[in-house]
Amino acid sequence: MVEATVMKNNIKVYRAMHELTQEQLAEKIGVSRQTVLAIESNKYLPSLGLAFKIADLFKKKVEDIFIYQKEDEDEN
């Protein structure tokens, strides 16, 4: 059995709480709207610097925004 790591996030939740569109969030953190979409849908992991920018914008800790999970995978 192999242990896989998954990084999930609450960006969409915090973005909604702050009434920000993906475009507005993207402008505030200096990326494209497509990058925000990719991060929200867990298709792209942001750099550490970008993760801190996002957390700082929402006045939260990085751990509140990004959730690290371990998942068991069967090895074939």
C-alpha atoms as a PDB file:
ATOM      1  CA  MET A   1       0.000   0.000   0.000  1.00  0.00           C
ATOM      2  CA  VAL A   2       1.328   3.429  -0.982  1.00  0.00           C
ATOM      3  CA  GLU A   3       0.401   6.585   0.885  1.00  0.00           C
ATOM      4  CA  ALA A   4      -0.581   9.451  -1.398  1.00  0.00           C
ATOM      5  CA  THR A   5      -0.774  13.049  -0.280  1.00  0.00           C
ATOM      6  CA  VAL A   6      -3.566  15.369  -1.231  1.00  0.00           C
ATOM      7  CA  MET A   7      -3.746  19.097  -0.663  1.00  0.00           C
ATOM      8  CA  LYS A   8      -7.266  20.508  -0.497  1.00  0.00           C
ATOM      9  CA  ASN A   9      -8.261  24.097   0.113  1.00  0.00           C
ATOM     10  CA  ASN A  10     -11.018  26.393   1.331  1.00  0.00           C
ATOM     11  CA  ILE A  11     -10.312  29.253  -1.057  1.00  0.00           C
ATOM     12  CA  LYS A  12     -13.789  29.219  -2.582  1.00  0.00           C
ATOM     13  CA  VAL A  13     -15.352  29.430   0.904  1.00  0.00           C
ATOM     14  CA  TYR A  14     -13.173  32.357   2.009  1.00  0.00           C
ATOM     15  CA  ARG A  15     -13.602  34.057  -1.355  1.00  0.00           C
ATOM     16  CA  ALA A  16     -17.397  33.856  -0.942  1.00  0.00           C
ATOM     17  CA  MET A  17     -17.176  35.154   2.637  1.00  0.00           C
ATOM     18  CA  HIS A  18     -15.275  38.189   1.337  1.00  0.00           C
ATOM     19  CA  GLU A  19     -17.603  38.553  -1.662  1.00  0.00           C
ATOM     20  CA  LEU A  20     -14.772  38.262  -4.170  1.00  0.00           C
ATOM     21  CA  THR A  21     -15.006  36.846  -7.668  1.00  0.00           C
ATOM     22  CA  GLN A  22     -12.205  34.669  -8.990  1.00  0.00           C
ATOM     23  CA  GLU A  23     -11.136  37.616 -11.137  1.00  0.00           C
ATOM     24  CA  GLN A  24     -11.003  39.990  -8.154  1.00  0.00           C
ATOM     25  CA  LEU A  25      -9.016  37.508  -6.060  1.00  0.00           C
ATOM     26  CA  ALA A  26      -6.648  36.939  -8.966  1.00  0.00           C
ATOM     27  CA  GLU A  27      -5.988  40.679  -9.294  1.00  0.00           C
ATOM     28  CA  LYS A  28      -5.328  41.035  -5.556  1.00  0.00           C
ATOM     29  CA  ILE A  29      -2.776  38.190  -5.478  1.00  0.00           C
ATOM     30  CA  GLY A  30      -1.201  38.885  -8.888  1.00  0.00           C
ATOM     31  CA  VAL A  31      -2.250  35.807 -10.876  1.00  0.00           C
ATOM     32  CA  SER A  32      -4.748  35.001 -13.617  1.00  0.00           C
ATOM     33  CA  ARG A  33      -8.341  33.969 -13.018  1.00  0.00           C
ATOM     34  CA  GLN A  34      -7.449  30.591 -14.547  1.00  0.00           C
ATOM     35  CA  THR A  35      -4.797  30.092 -11.854  1.00  0.00           C
ATOM     36  CA  VAL A  36      -7.353  30.782  -9.109  1.00  0.00           C
ATOM     37  CA  LEU A  37      -9.749  28.307 -10.758  1.00  0.00           C
ATOM     38  CA  ALA A  38      -6.996  25.664 -10.988  1.00  0.00           C
ATOM     39  CA  ILE A  39      -6.049  26.138  -7.316  1.00  0.00           C
ATOM     40  CA  GLU A  40      -9.691  26.031  -6.163  1.00  0.00           C
ATOM     41  CA  SER A  41     -10.301  22.811  -8.101  1.00  0.00           C
ATOM     42  CA  ASN A  42      -7.092  21.229  -6.732  1.00  0.00           C
ATOM     43  CA  LYS A  43      -5.522  20.964 -10.191  1.00  0.00           C
ATOM     44  CA  TYR A  44      -2.622  23.226  -9.256  1.00  0.00           C
ATOM     45  CA  LEU A  45      -0.695  23.638  -6.017  1.00  0.00           C
ATOM     46  CA  PRO A  46       0.373  27.228  -5.422  1.00  0.00           C
ATOM     47  CA  SER A  47       3.927  28.117  -4.488  1.00  0.00           C
ATOM     48  CA  LEU A  48       4.572  28.694  -0.819  1.00  0.00           C
ATOM     49  CA  GLY A  49       4.784  32.438  -1.463  1.00  0.00           C
ATOM     50  CA  LEU A  50       1.423  32.472  -3.228  1.00  0.00           C
ATOM     51  CA  ALA A  51      -0.153  30.367  -0.458  1.00  0.00           C
ATOM     52  CA  PHE A  52       1.007  32.941   2.100  1.00  0.00           C
ATOM     53  CA  LYS A  53      -0.342  35.807  -0.062  1.00  0.00           C
ATOM     54  CA  ILE A  54      -3.753  34.138  -0.159  1.00  0.00           C
ATOM     55  CA  ALA A  55      -3.750  33.451   3.579  1.00  0.00           C
ATOM     56  CA  ASP A  56      -2.635  37.010   4.338  1.00  0.00           C
ATOM     57  CA  LEU A  57      -5.372  38.461   2.139  1.00  0.00           C
ATOM     58  CA  PHE A  58      -8.015  36.547   4.102  1.00  0.00           C
ATOM     59  CA  LYS A  59      -6.218  37.213   7.413  1.00  0.00           C
ATOM     60  CA  LYS A  60      -5.955  33.477   8.084  1.00  0.00           C
ATOM     61  CA  LYS A  61      -3.152  31.001   8.673  1.00  0.00           C
ATOM     62  CA  VAL A  62      -2.020  28.956   5.673  1.00  0.00           C
ATOM     63  CA  GLU A  63      -3.276  25.837   7.495  1.00  0.00           C
ATOM     64  CA  ASP A  64      -6.778  27.343   7.604  1.00  0.00           C
ATOM     65  CA  ILE A  65      -6.811  27.752   3.828  1.00  0.00           C
ATOM     66  CA  PHE A  66      -4.893  24.671   2.701  1.00  0.00           C
ATOM     67  CA  ILE A  67      -5.599  21.237   4.192  1.00  0.00           C
ATOM     68  CA  TYR A  68      -3.035  18.470   3.902  1.00  0.00           C
ATOM     69  CA  GLN A  69      -4.521  14.969   3.773  1.00  0.00           C
ATOM     70  CA  LYS A  70      -2.989  11.535   3.476  1.00  0.00           C
ATOM     71  CA  GLU A  71      -4.817   8.894   1.472  1.00  0.00           C
ATOM     72  CA  ASP A  72      -4.044   5.200   1.241  1.00  0.00           C
ATOM     73  CA  GLU A  73      -3.647   3.844  -2.262  1.00  0.00           C
ATOM     74  CA  ASP A  74      -3.381   0.217  -3.252  1.00  0.00           C
ATOM     75  CA  GLU A  75      -0.101  -0.482  -5.001  1.00  0.00           C
ATOM     76  CA  ASN A  76      -0.611  -2.376  -8.282  1.00  0.00           C
END
